[in-house]
Amino acid sequence: MKTSSGKRVPKAARGVAAGAIALLAVHMFFTGVYNTPYTDLKYQVLPGAAADQYVRPYLVQDYKIFAPDPVDTDRQLWVRAWVETPGGERTRSEWVNASAVELAEPYRRTLRKQLSVVGAERLMATYRALSEEQQQVASKNHLDGDELYGLRDALVAADDSNSAEVRAFIRATNYTASYATQVAHAMWGDAGDVQAVQVRAVYDPVIRWADRHDPDAERPPAKYTDLGWVPAMEWPGQDREAFARSFRSWADKAGVEAGLEPAGVVEEEQGE
C-alpha cells in the first residue's frame, strides 16, 4: 500500500488504520441499535442488550441541568428489608431513602448520578412500560428461589405481549434488589439474616419553574413504584464490608437511623 506521494505505508500503520476503521464501524452500529425506537426490533432482531451495555454509562449524560428540559423531579430509591434474628423472630425495617444517604456528602452532589438515582430511574421507566395487569403482579411478593425467575414468569403469564419490556424490568429489578441487599446488610445485618428486600422508586416533583415566585404554589404529588418483596440478592465480586463502611458513614452524616419492628411472617401475596 502506497500514499499519494508514492511512499509505502508501514504494515504496522496499516494495521492501526484498519483497527480504527473497524472500531468506528462498531461504534456507529451500536449507536444505531441503541437509538432504535422499536423495542421488538431492538431486542429480538438486533443485539439491543449488547448495545445498552456498550453505550451506558460512558457515552451518556442525563443530568438535565440545561434548557429546554431541566430536571423537575427528585428521583429517589427507597429500601427496606425483612430480617430474621438469631432467635427466629421475623422483623421488618423502616423505609430508608438510600438516595438521600448517598448524597449526604456534599462533594457527591456535583454532577454525579449515584447508584441509587440511576437505579430509581431505570426501575421507574421499566415499571411504567409494563401493562396494568403486570403492574398488579409486580405488587405481589415473589420469594420463590434465589433470583427473579418467578417474578419474570408471572409477568409473562399475566401478559405475553411485551416480552422486551418484561426483560428490561427484570434487569432493573435485579439491579435495585442487589443494591438494596447491600443497604440491608449495612443497616441491619448485625441484627440477623437478611431474608428479603423491597424497593421503591420515588419521583418527587418540585414546584414548576413558572410558579417559583408564587408563595402559595405547592409541589405536585409524588409518584412511586408499587412492588412486592423479592429475595435478597448478592453477586460474586461484591464487597459487603466495604459497602457497609461507606454507607453507614453517609447515614451518620444524613442522621438516618432506621429501626426494626416485629412483623410476623412474610405474607405470600400482599406486598405490604
C-alpha atoms as a PDB file:
ATOM      1  CA  MET A   1       0.000   0.000   0.000  1.00  0.00           C
ATOM      2  CA  LYS A   2       1.381   3.405  -1.025  1.00  0.00           C
ATOM      3  CA  THR A   3       0.496   7.015  -0.260  1.00  0.00           C
ATOM      4  CA  SER A   4      -0.262   9.606  -2.946  1.00  0.00           C
ATOM      5  CA  SER A   5       3.417  10.585  -2.924  1.00  0.00           C
ATOM      6  CA  GLY A   6       4.455   7.046  -3.760  1.00  0.00           C
ATOM      7  CA  LYS A   7       5.828   6.133  -0.334  1.00  0.00           C
ATOM      8  CA  ARG A   8       4.928   2.745   1.081  1.00  0.00           C
ATOM      9  CA  VAL A   9       2.828   2.805   4.245  1.00  0.00           C
ATOM     10  CA  PRO A  10       4.357   0.680   7.015  1.00  0.00           C
ATOM     11  CA  LYS A  11       2.496  -2.515   7.783  1.00  0.00           C
ATOM     12  CA  ALA A  12       2.013  -1.515  11.424  1.00  0.00           C
ATOM     13  CA  ALA A  13       0.403   1.770  10.367  1.00  0.00           C
ATOM     14  CA  ARG A  14      -1.932  -0.068   8.016  1.00  0.00           C
ATOM     15  CA  GLY A  15      -2.976  -2.310  10.901  1.00  0.00           C
ATOM     16  CA  VAL A  16      -3.685   0.673  13.150  1.00  0.00           C
ATOM     17  CA  ALA A  17      -5.763   2.333  10.436  1.00  0.00           C
ATOM     18  CA  ALA A  18      -7.760  -0.829   9.821  1.00  0.00           C
ATOM     19  CA  GLY A  19      -8.376  -1.236  13.552  1.00  0.00           C
ATOM     20  CA  ALA A  20      -9.573   2.360  13.856  1.00  0.00           C
ATOM     21  CA  ILE A  21     -11.981   1.895  10.957  1.00  0.00           C
ATOM     22  CA  ALA A  22     -13.329  -1.324  12.493  1.00  0.00           C
ATOM     23  CA  LEU A  23     -13.785   0.382  15.878  1.00  0.00           C
ATOM     24  CA  LEU A  24     -15.613   3.279  14.250  1.00  0.00           C
ATOM     25  CA  ALA A  25     -17.886   0.839  12.432  1.00  0.00           C
ATOM     26  CA  VAL A  26     -18.709  -0.959  15.702  1.00  0.00           C
ATOM     27  CA  HIS A  27     -19.403   2.363  17.398  1.00  0.00           C
ATOM     28  CA  MET A  28     -21.729   3.511  14.627  1.00  0.00           C
ATOM     29  CA  PHE A  29     -23.536   0.153  14.581  1.00  0.00           C
ATOM     30  CA  PHE A  30     -24.149   0.015  18.354  1.00  0.00           C
ATOM     31  CA  THR A  31     -25.163   3.675  18.411  1.00  0.00           C
ATOM     32  CA  GLY A  32     -27.750   2.950  15.726  1.00  0.00           C
ATOM     33  CA  VAL A  33     -29.056  -0.103  17.586  1.00  0.00           C
ATOM     34  CA  TYR A  34     -29.231   1.833  20.875  1.00  0.00           C
ATOM     35  CA  ASN A  35     -31.346   4.569  19.290  1.00  0.00           C
ATOM     36  CA  THR A  36     -33.739   2.195  17.521  1.00  0.00           C
ATOM     37  CA  PRO A  37     -37.242   3.221  18.721  1.00  0.00           C
ATOM     38  CA  TYR A  38     -38.826  -0.215  18.237  1.00  0.00           C
ATOM     39  CA  THR A  39     -38.111  -2.472  21.218  1.00  0.00           C
ATOM     40  CA  ASP A  40     -39.159  -5.693  19.472  1.00  0.00           C
ATOM     41  CA  LEU A  41     -36.720  -4.994  16.662  1.00  0.00           C
ATOM     42  CA  LYS A  42     -34.021  -3.820  19.052  1.00  0.00           C
ATOM     43  CA  TYR A  43     -34.092  -6.821  21.409  1.00  0.00           C
ATOM     44  CA  GLN A  44     -35.452  -9.635  19.250  1.00  0.00           C
ATOM     45  CA  VAL A  45     -33.653  -8.996  15.958  1.00  0.00           C
ATOM     46  CA  LEU A  46     -30.796  -6.653  16.824  1.00  0.00           C
ATOM     47  CA  PRO A  47     -28.353  -7.014  19.761  1.00  0.00           C
ATOM     48  CA  GLY A  48     -30.125  -4.443  21.925  1.00  0.00           C
ATOM     49  CA  ALA A  49     -28.746  -5.671  25.259  1.00  0.00           C
ATOM     50  CA  ALA A  50     -25.176  -5.525  23.946  1.00  0.00           C
ATOM     51  CA  ALA A  51     -25.792  -2.018  22.608  1.00  0.00           C
ATOM     52  CA  ASP A  52     -27.134  -0.889  26.006  1.00  0.00           C
ATOM     53  CA  GLN A  53     -24.014  -2.202  27.743  1.00  0.00           C
ATOM     54  CA  TYR A  54     -21.768  -0.544  25.141  1.00  0.00           C
ATOM     55  CA  VAL A  55     -23.367   2.893  25.343  1.00  0.00           C
ATOM     56  CA  ARG A  56     -24.091   3.156  29.069  1.00  0.00           C
ATOM     57  CA  PRO A  57     -22.783   4.738  31.193  1.00  0.00           C
ATOM     58  CA  TYR A  58     -19.736   6.144  29.428  1.00  0.00           C
ATOM     59  CA  LEU A  59     -21.401   7.788  26.445  1.00  0.00           C
ATOM     60  CA  VAL A  60     -24.496   9.094  28.217  1.00  0.00           C
ATOM     61  CA  GLN A  61     -25.045  12.167  30.347  1.00  0.00           C
ATOM     62  CA  ASP A  62     -28.522  12.907  31.588  1.00  0.00           C
ATOM     63  CA  TYR A  63     -28.132  15.443  34.351  1.00  0.00           C
ATOM     64  CA  LYS A  64     -30.847  17.652  32.773  1.00  0.00           C
ATOM     65  CA  ILE A  65     -29.431  20.877  34.135  1.00  0.00           C
ATOM     66  CA  PHE A  66     -29.932  22.872  30.932  1.00  0.00           C
ATOM     67  CA  ALA A  67     -32.965  24.090  28.937  1.00  0.00           C
ATOM     68  CA  PRO A  68     -35.192  23.097  27.295  1.00  0.00           C
ATOM     69  CA  ASP A  69     -35.638  20.069  29.560  1.00  0.00           C
ATOM     70  CA  PRO A  70     -34.215  20.784  33.030  1.00  0.00           C
ATOM     71  CA  VAL A  71     -34.873  18.215  35.712  1.00  0.00           C
ATOM     72  CA  ASP A  72     -38.082  18.913  37.638  1.00  0.00           C
ATOM     73  CA  THR A  73     -38.239  15.858  39.890  1.00  0.00           C
ATOM     74  CA  ASP A  74     -36.235  14.429  42.767  1.00  0.00           C
ATOM     75  CA  ARG A  75     -35.509  10.794  41.882  1.00  0.00           C
ATOM     76  CA  GLN A  76     -35.008   8.547  44.891  1.00  0.00           C
ATOM     77  CA  LEU A  77     -34.631   4.884  45.712  1.00  0.00           C
ATOM     78  CA  TRP A  78     -36.202   3.725  48.965  1.00  0.00           C
ATOM     79  CA  VAL A  79     -35.269   0.418  50.578  1.00  0.00           C
ATOM     80  CA  ARG A  80     -36.450  -1.794  53.418  1.00  0.00           C
ATOM     81  CA  ALA A  81     -35.711  -5.356  54.493  1.00  0.00           C
ATOM     82  CA  TRP A  82     -37.012  -8.447  56.252  1.00  0.00           C
ATOM     83  CA  VAL A  83     -34.519  -9.641  58.861  1.00  0.00           C
ATOM     84  CA  GLU A  84     -34.650 -12.868  60.853  1.00  0.00           C
ATOM     85  CA  THR A  85     -32.993 -12.577  64.260  1.00  0.00           C
ATOM     86  CA  PRO A  86     -30.870 -15.384  65.750  1.00  0.00           C
ATOM     87  CA  GLY A  87     -33.877 -16.252  67.921  1.00  0.00           C
ATOM     88  CA  GLY A  88     -36.050 -16.850  64.868  1.00  0.00           C
ATOM     89  CA  GLU A  89     -38.099 -13.649  65.087  1.00  0.00           C
ATOM     90  CA  ARG A  90     -39.010 -12.142  61.729  1.00  0.00           C
ATOM     91  CA  THR A  91     -38.691  -8.346  61.747  1.00  0.00           C
ATOM     92  CA  ARG A  92     -39.251  -5.651  59.158  1.00  0.00           C
ATOM     93  CA  SER A  93     -37.184  -2.487  58.848  1.00  0.00           C
ATOM     94  CA  GLU A  94     -38.395   1.028  58.324  1.00  0.00           C
ATOM     95  CA  TRP A  95     -38.044   2.556  54.857  1.00  0.00           C
ATOM     96  CA  VAL A  96     -34.684   4.203  54.129  1.00  0.00           C
ATOM     97  CA  ASN A  97     -34.200   6.827  51.431  1.00  0.00           C
ATOM     98  CA  ALA A  98     -30.944   5.413  50.028  1.00  0.00           C
ATOM     99  CA  SER A  99     -30.519   8.337  47.641  1.00  0.00           C
ATOM    100  CA  ALA A 100     -30.593  10.869  50.487  1.00  0.00           C
ATOM    101  CA  VAL A 101     -27.968   8.799  52.300  1.00  0.00           C
ATOM    102  CA  GLU A 102     -25.731   8.632  49.236  1.00  0.00           C
ATOM    103  CA  LEU A 103     -25.957  12.392  48.800  1.00  0.00           C
ATOM    104  CA  ALA A 104     -25.142  13.202  52.441  1.00  0.00           C
ATOM    105  CA  GLU A 105     -21.572  14.082  51.445  1.00  0.00           C
ATOM    106  CA  PRO A 106     -21.659  17.497  49.698  1.00  0.00           C
ATOM    107  CA  TYR A 107     -18.965  16.576  47.180  1.00  0.00           C
ATOM    108  CA  ARG A 108     -21.106  13.684  45.937  1.00  0.00           C
ATOM    109  CA  ARG A 109     -23.876  16.047  44.799  1.00  0.00           C
ATOM    110  CA  THR A 110     -21.866  17.690  42.000  1.00  0.00           C
ATOM    111  CA  LEU A 111     -22.627  16.389  38.507  1.00  0.00           C
ATOM    112  CA  ARG A 112     -22.856  12.793  39.652  1.00  0.00           C
ATOM    113  CA  LYS A 113     -25.565  10.234  39.290  1.00  0.00           C
ATOM    114  CA  GLN A 114     -25.391   7.993  42.308  1.00  0.00           C
ATOM    115  CA  LEU A 115     -26.107   4.284  42.056  1.00  0.00           C
ATOM    116  CA  SER A 116     -29.464   4.656  43.760  1.00  0.00           C
ATOM    117  CA  VAL A 117     -30.567   7.500  41.458  1.00  0.00           C
ATOM    118  CA  VAL A 118     -29.632   5.504  38.349  1.00  0.00           C
ATOM    119  CA  GLY A 119     -31.478   2.511  39.786  1.00  0.00           C
ATOM    120  CA  ALA A 120     -34.582   4.573  40.563  1.00  0.00           C
ATOM    121  CA  GLU A 121     -34.711   5.994  37.045  1.00  0.00           C
ATOM    122  CA  ARG A 122     -34.341   2.607  35.370  1.00  0.00           C
ATOM    123  CA  LEU A 123     -36.850   0.980  37.699  1.00  0.00           C
ATOM    124  CA  MET A 124     -39.462   3.698  37.202  1.00  0.00           C
ATOM    125  CA  ALA A 125     -39.065   3.724  33.414  1.00  0.00           C
ATOM    126  CA  THR A 126     -39.374  -0.044  33.054  1.00  0.00           C
ATOM    127  CA  TYR A 127     -42.220  -0.243  35.579  1.00  0.00           C
ATOM    128  CA  ARG A 128     -44.223   2.306  33.594  1.00  0.00           C
ATOM    129  CA  ALA A 129     -43.670   0.237  30.447  1.00  0.00           C
ATOM    130  CA  LEU A 130     -45.461  -2.758  31.987  1.00  0.00           C
ATOM    131  CA  SER A 131     -49.149  -3.291  31.379  1.00  0.00           C
ATOM    132  CA  GLU A 132     -51.659  -2.663  34.156  1.00  0.00           C
ATOM    133  CA  GLU A 133     -52.039  -6.415  34.688  1.00  0.00           C
ATOM    134  CA  GLN A 134     -48.284  -6.816  35.000  1.00  0.00           C
ATOM    135  CA  GLN A 135     -48.005  -3.958  37.473  1.00  0.00           C
ATOM    136  CA  GLN A 136     -50.563  -5.707  39.656  1.00  0.00           C
ATOM    137  CA  VAL A 137     -48.452  -8.870  39.503  1.00  0.00           C
ATOM    138  CA  ALA A 138     -45.315  -6.906  40.402  1.00  0.00           C
ATOM    139  CA  SER A 139     -47.032  -5.563  43.525  1.00  0.00           C
ATOM    140  CA  LYS A 140     -47.211  -9.108  44.952  1.00  0.00           C
ATOM    141  CA  ASN A 141     -44.397 -10.885  46.763  1.00  0.00           C
ATOM    142  CA  HIS A 142     -42.168 -13.169  44.688  1.00  0.00           C
ATOM    143  CA  LEU A 143     -39.975 -15.021  47.152  1.00  0.00           C
ATOM    144  CA  ASP A 144     -39.537 -18.401  45.450  1.00  0.00           C
ATOM    145  CA  GLY A 145     -35.921 -19.169  44.602  1.00  0.00           C
ATOM    146  CA  ASP A 146     -32.827 -17.032  44.879  1.00  0.00           C
ATOM    147  CA  GLU A 147     -33.360 -14.962  41.733  1.00  0.00           C
ATOM    148  CA  LEU A 148     -36.212 -13.320  39.830  1.00  0.00           C
ATOM    149  CA  TYR A 149     -37.386 -16.168  37.618  1.00  0.00           C
ATOM    150  CA  GLY A 150     -40.684 -16.452  39.475  1.00  0.00           C
ATOM    151  CA  LEU A 151     -41.419 -12.761  39.006  1.00  0.00           C
ATOM    152  CA  ARG A 152     -40.480 -12.909  35.326  1.00  0.00           C
ATOM    153  CA  ASP A 153     -42.658 -15.955  34.659  1.00  0.00           C
ATOM    154  CA  ALA A 154     -45.608 -14.379  36.500  1.00  0.00           C
ATOM    155  CA  LEU A 155     -45.312 -11.171  34.439  1.00  0.00           C
ATOM    156  CA  VAL A 156     -45.261 -13.121  31.173  1.00  0.00           C
ATOM    157  CA  ALA A 157     -48.213 -15.249  32.307  1.00  0.00           C
ATOM    158  CA  ALA A 158     -50.209 -12.088  33.006  1.00  0.00           C
ATOM    159  CA  ASP A 159     -49.424 -10.540  29.611  1.00  0.00           C
ATOM    160  CA  ASP A 160     -47.114 -12.058  26.988  1.00  0.00           C
ATOM    161  CA  SER A 161     -47.397  -9.189  24.510  1.00  0.00           C
ATOM    162  CA  ASN A 162     -44.384  -7.173  25.690  1.00  0.00           C
ATOM    163  CA  SER A 163     -41.508  -9.545  26.368  1.00  0.00           C
ATOM    164  CA  ALA A 164     -38.858  -6.863  25.765  1.00  0.00           C
ATOM    165  CA  GLU A 165     -40.399  -4.622  28.421  1.00  0.00           C
ATOM    166  CA  VAL A 166     -40.515  -7.532  30.873  1.00  0.00           C
ATOM    167  CA  ARG A 167     -36.820  -8.257  30.319  1.00  0.00           C
ATOM    168  CA  ALA A 168     -35.952  -4.602  30.862  1.00  0.00           C
ATOM    169  CA  PHE A 169     -37.982  -4.531  34.095  1.00  0.00           C
ATOM    170  CA  ILE A 170     -36.285  -7.689  35.375  1.00  0.00           C
ATOM    171  CA  ARG A 171     -32.853  -6.188  34.655  1.00  0.00           C
ATOM    172  CA  ALA A 172     -33.790  -3.016  36.543  1.00  0.00           C
ATOM    173  CA  THR A 173     -35.232  -5.009  39.453  1.00  0.00           C
ATOM    174  CA  ASN A 174     -32.117  -7.165  39.562  1.00  0.00           C
ATOM    175  CA  TYR A 175     -30.008  -4.017  39.845  1.00  0.00           C
ATOM    176  CA  THR A 176     -32.096  -2.350  42.536  1.00  0.00           C
ATOM    177  CA  ALA A 177     -32.679  -5.527  44.563  1.00  0.00           C
ATOM    178  CA  SER A 178     -28.940  -6.238  44.592  1.00  0.00           C
ATOM    179  CA  TYR A 179     -28.253  -2.689  45.730  1.00  0.00           C
ATOM    180  CA  ALA A 180     -30.999  -2.919  48.361  1.00  0.00           C
ATOM    181  CA  THR A 181     -29.441  -6.120  49.676  1.00  0.00           C
ATOM    182  CA  GLN A 182     -26.155  -4.313  50.293  1.00  0.00           C
ATOM    183  CA  VAL A 183     -28.025  -1.497  52.042  1.00  0.00           C
ATOM    184  CA  ALA A 184     -29.873  -4.035  54.181  1.00  0.00           C
ATOM    185  CA  HIS A 185     -26.657  -5.738  55.274  1.00  0.00           C
ATOM    186  CA  ALA A 186     -25.101  -2.348  56.053  1.00  0.00           C
ATOM    187  CA  MET A 187     -28.047  -1.079  58.096  1.00  0.00           C
ATOM    188  CA  TRP A 188     -29.494  -4.210  59.719  1.00  0.00           C
ATOM    189  CA  GLY A 189     -27.100  -7.081  59.049  1.00  0.00           C
ATOM    190  CA  ASP A 190     -25.870  -7.071  62.660  1.00  0.00           C
ATOM    191  CA  ALA A 191     -29.420  -7.855  63.833  1.00  0.00           C
ATOM    192  CA  GLY A 192     -29.743 -11.123  61.919  1.00  0.00           C
ATOM    193  CA  ASP A 193     -30.040 -12.656  58.462  1.00  0.00           C
ATOM    194  CA  VAL A 194     -31.462 -10.544  55.649  1.00  0.00           C
ATOM    195  CA  GLN A 195     -34.226 -12.673  54.111  1.00  0.00           C
ATOM    196  CA  ALA A 196     -35.850 -10.355  51.566  1.00  0.00           C
ATOM    197  CA  VAL A 197     -35.838  -6.761  50.364  1.00  0.00           C
ATOM    198  CA  GLN A 198     -38.379  -4.333  48.982  1.00  0.00           C
ATOM    199  CA  VAL A 199     -37.506  -1.363  46.794  1.00  0.00           C
ATOM    200  CA  ARG A 200     -39.468   1.675  45.697  1.00  0.00           C
ATOM    201  CA  ALA A 201     -38.540   4.252  43.074  1.00  0.00           C
ATOM    202  CA  VAL A 202     -39.985   7.592  44.184  1.00  0.00           C
ATOM    203  CA  TYR A 203     -40.371  10.603  41.891  1.00  0.00           C
ATOM    204  CA  ASP A 204     -40.998  13.726  43.956  1.00  0.00           C
ATOM    205  CA  PRO A 205     -41.709  16.719  41.648  1.00  0.00           C
ATOM    206  CA  VAL A 206     -40.550  20.206  42.538  1.00  0.00           C
ATOM    207  CA  ILE A 207     -42.616  23.365  42.121  1.00  0.00           C
ATOM    208  CA  ARG A 208     -42.963  24.273  38.464  1.00  0.00           C
ATOM    209  CA  TRP A 209     -40.487  26.837  37.177  1.00  0.00           C
ATOM    210  CA  ALA A 210     -43.289  29.147  36.092  1.00  0.00           C
ATOM    211  CA  ASP A 211     -44.704  29.092  39.656  1.00  0.00           C
ATOM    212  CA  ARG A 212     -41.402  29.519  41.502  1.00  0.00           C
ATOM    213  CA  HIS A 213     -42.305  33.019  42.755  1.00  0.00           C
ATOM    214  CA  ASP A 214     -45.829  32.056  43.866  1.00  0.00           C
ATOM    215  CA  PRO A 215     -45.853  31.802  47.698  1.00  0.00           C
ATOM    216  CA  ASP A 216     -48.952  29.576  47.527  1.00  0.00           C
ATOM    217  CA  ALA A 217     -47.514  27.136  44.992  1.00  0.00           C
ATOM    218  CA  GLU A 218     -47.494  23.503  46.097  1.00  0.00           C
ATOM    219  CA  ARG A 219     -45.363  20.638  44.923  1.00  0.00           C
ATOM    220  CA  PRO A 220     -47.219  18.122  42.724  1.00  0.00           C
ATOM    221  CA  PRO A 221     -47.874  14.742  44.381  1.00  0.00           C
ATOM    222  CA  ALA A 222     -45.109  12.164  44.333  1.00  0.00           C
ATOM    223  CA  LYS A 223     -45.270   9.042  42.183  1.00  0.00           C
ATOM    224  CA  TYR A 224     -43.747   5.696  43.080  1.00  0.00           C
ATOM    225  CA  THR A 225     -43.482   2.081  42.014  1.00  0.00           C
ATOM    226  CA  ASP A 226     -45.657  -0.407  43.897  1.00  0.00           C
ATOM    227  CA  LEU A 227     -43.545  -3.552  44.203  1.00  0.00           C
ATOM    228  CA  GLY A 228     -43.624  -6.550  46.492  1.00  0.00           C
ATOM    229  CA  TRP A 229     -40.828  -8.353  48.326  1.00  0.00           C
ATOM    230  CA  VAL A 230     -38.106 -10.260  46.474  1.00  0.00           C
ATOM    231  CA  PRO A 231     -35.266 -12.446  47.780  1.00  0.00           C
ATOM    232  CA  ALA A 232     -32.052 -10.807  48.930  1.00  0.00           C
ATOM    233  CA  MET A 233     -29.553 -10.947  46.061  1.00  0.00           C
ATOM    234  CA  GLU A 234     -25.743 -10.858  46.109  1.00  0.00           C
ATOM    235  CA  TRP A 235     -23.238 -11.450  43.331  1.00  0.00           C
ATOM    236  CA  PRO A 236     -19.569 -12.507  43.143  1.00  0.00           C
ATOM    237  CA  GLY A 237     -17.215  -9.579  43.462  1.00  0.00           C
ATOM    238  CA  GLN A 238     -19.448  -7.507  45.733  1.00  0.00           C
ATOM    239  CA  ASP A 239     -17.642  -6.338  48.880  1.00  0.00           C
ATOM    240  CA  ARG A 240     -20.282  -6.260  51.585  1.00  0.00           C
ATOM    241  CA  GLU A 241     -17.972  -4.890  54.278  1.00  0.00           C
ATOM    242  CA  ALA A 242     -16.570  -2.058  52.136  1.00  0.00           C
ATOM    243  CA  PHE A 243     -20.065  -1.021  51.059  1.00  0.00           C
ATOM    244  CA  ALA A 244     -21.278  -1.107  54.656  1.00  0.00           C
ATOM    245  CA  ARG A 245     -18.443   1.124  55.870  1.00  0.00           C
ATOM    246  CA  SER A 246     -19.215   3.782  53.266  1.00  0.00           C
ATOM    247  CA  PHE A 247     -22.990   3.607  53.534  1.00  0.00           C
ATOM    248  CA  ARG A 248     -23.053   3.719  57.329  1.00  0.00           C
ATOM    249  CA  SER A 249     -20.751   6.736  57.370  1.00  0.00           C
ATOM    250  CA  TRP A 250     -23.083   8.553  54.955  1.00  0.00           C
ATOM    251  CA  ALA A 251     -26.114   7.500  57.007  1.00  0.00           C
ATOM    252  CA  ASP A 252     -24.500   9.007  60.109  1.00  0.00           C
ATOM    253  CA  LYS A 253     -23.940  12.292  58.250  1.00  0.00           C
ATOM    254  CA  ALA A 254     -27.536  12.239  57.000  1.00  0.00           C
ATOM    255  CA  GLY A 255     -28.871  11.485  60.502  1.00  0.00           C
ATOM    256  CA  VAL A 256     -30.612   8.314  59.285  1.00  0.00           C
ATOM    257  CA  GLU A 257     -31.389   5.687  61.914  1.00  0.00           C
ATOM    258  CA  ALA A 258     -33.847   3.118  60.599  1.00  0.00           C
ATOM    259  CA  GLY A 259     -35.091   0.660  63.180  1.00  0.00           C
ATOM    260  CA  LEU A 260     -36.702  -2.775  63.054  1.00  0.00           C
ATOM    261  CA  GLU A 261     -40.200  -3.748  64.097  1.00  0.00           C
ATOM    262  CA  PRO A 262     -41.827  -7.166  64.653  1.00  0.00           C
ATOM    263  CA  ALA A 263     -43.647  -8.190  61.518  1.00  0.00           C
ATOM    264  CA  GLY A 264     -44.722 -11.792  61.891  1.00  0.00           C
ATOM    265  CA  VAL A 265     -44.254 -13.755  58.686  1.00  0.00           C
ATOM    266  CA  VAL A 266     -43.975 -12.622  55.114  1.00  0.00           C
ATOM    267  CA  GLU A 267     -47.386 -12.780  53.501  1.00  0.00           C
ATOM    268  CA  GLU A 268     -47.386 -14.881  50.344  1.00  0.00           C
ATOM    269  CA  GLU A 269     -49.404 -12.473  48.235  1.00  0.00           C
ATOM    270  CA  GLN A 270     -49.577  -8.960  49.647  1.00  0.00           C
ATOM    271  CA  GLY A 271     -46.565  -6.731  49.057  1.00  0.00           C
ATOM    272  CA  GLU A 272     -47.186  -4.537  52.085  1.00  0.00           C
END
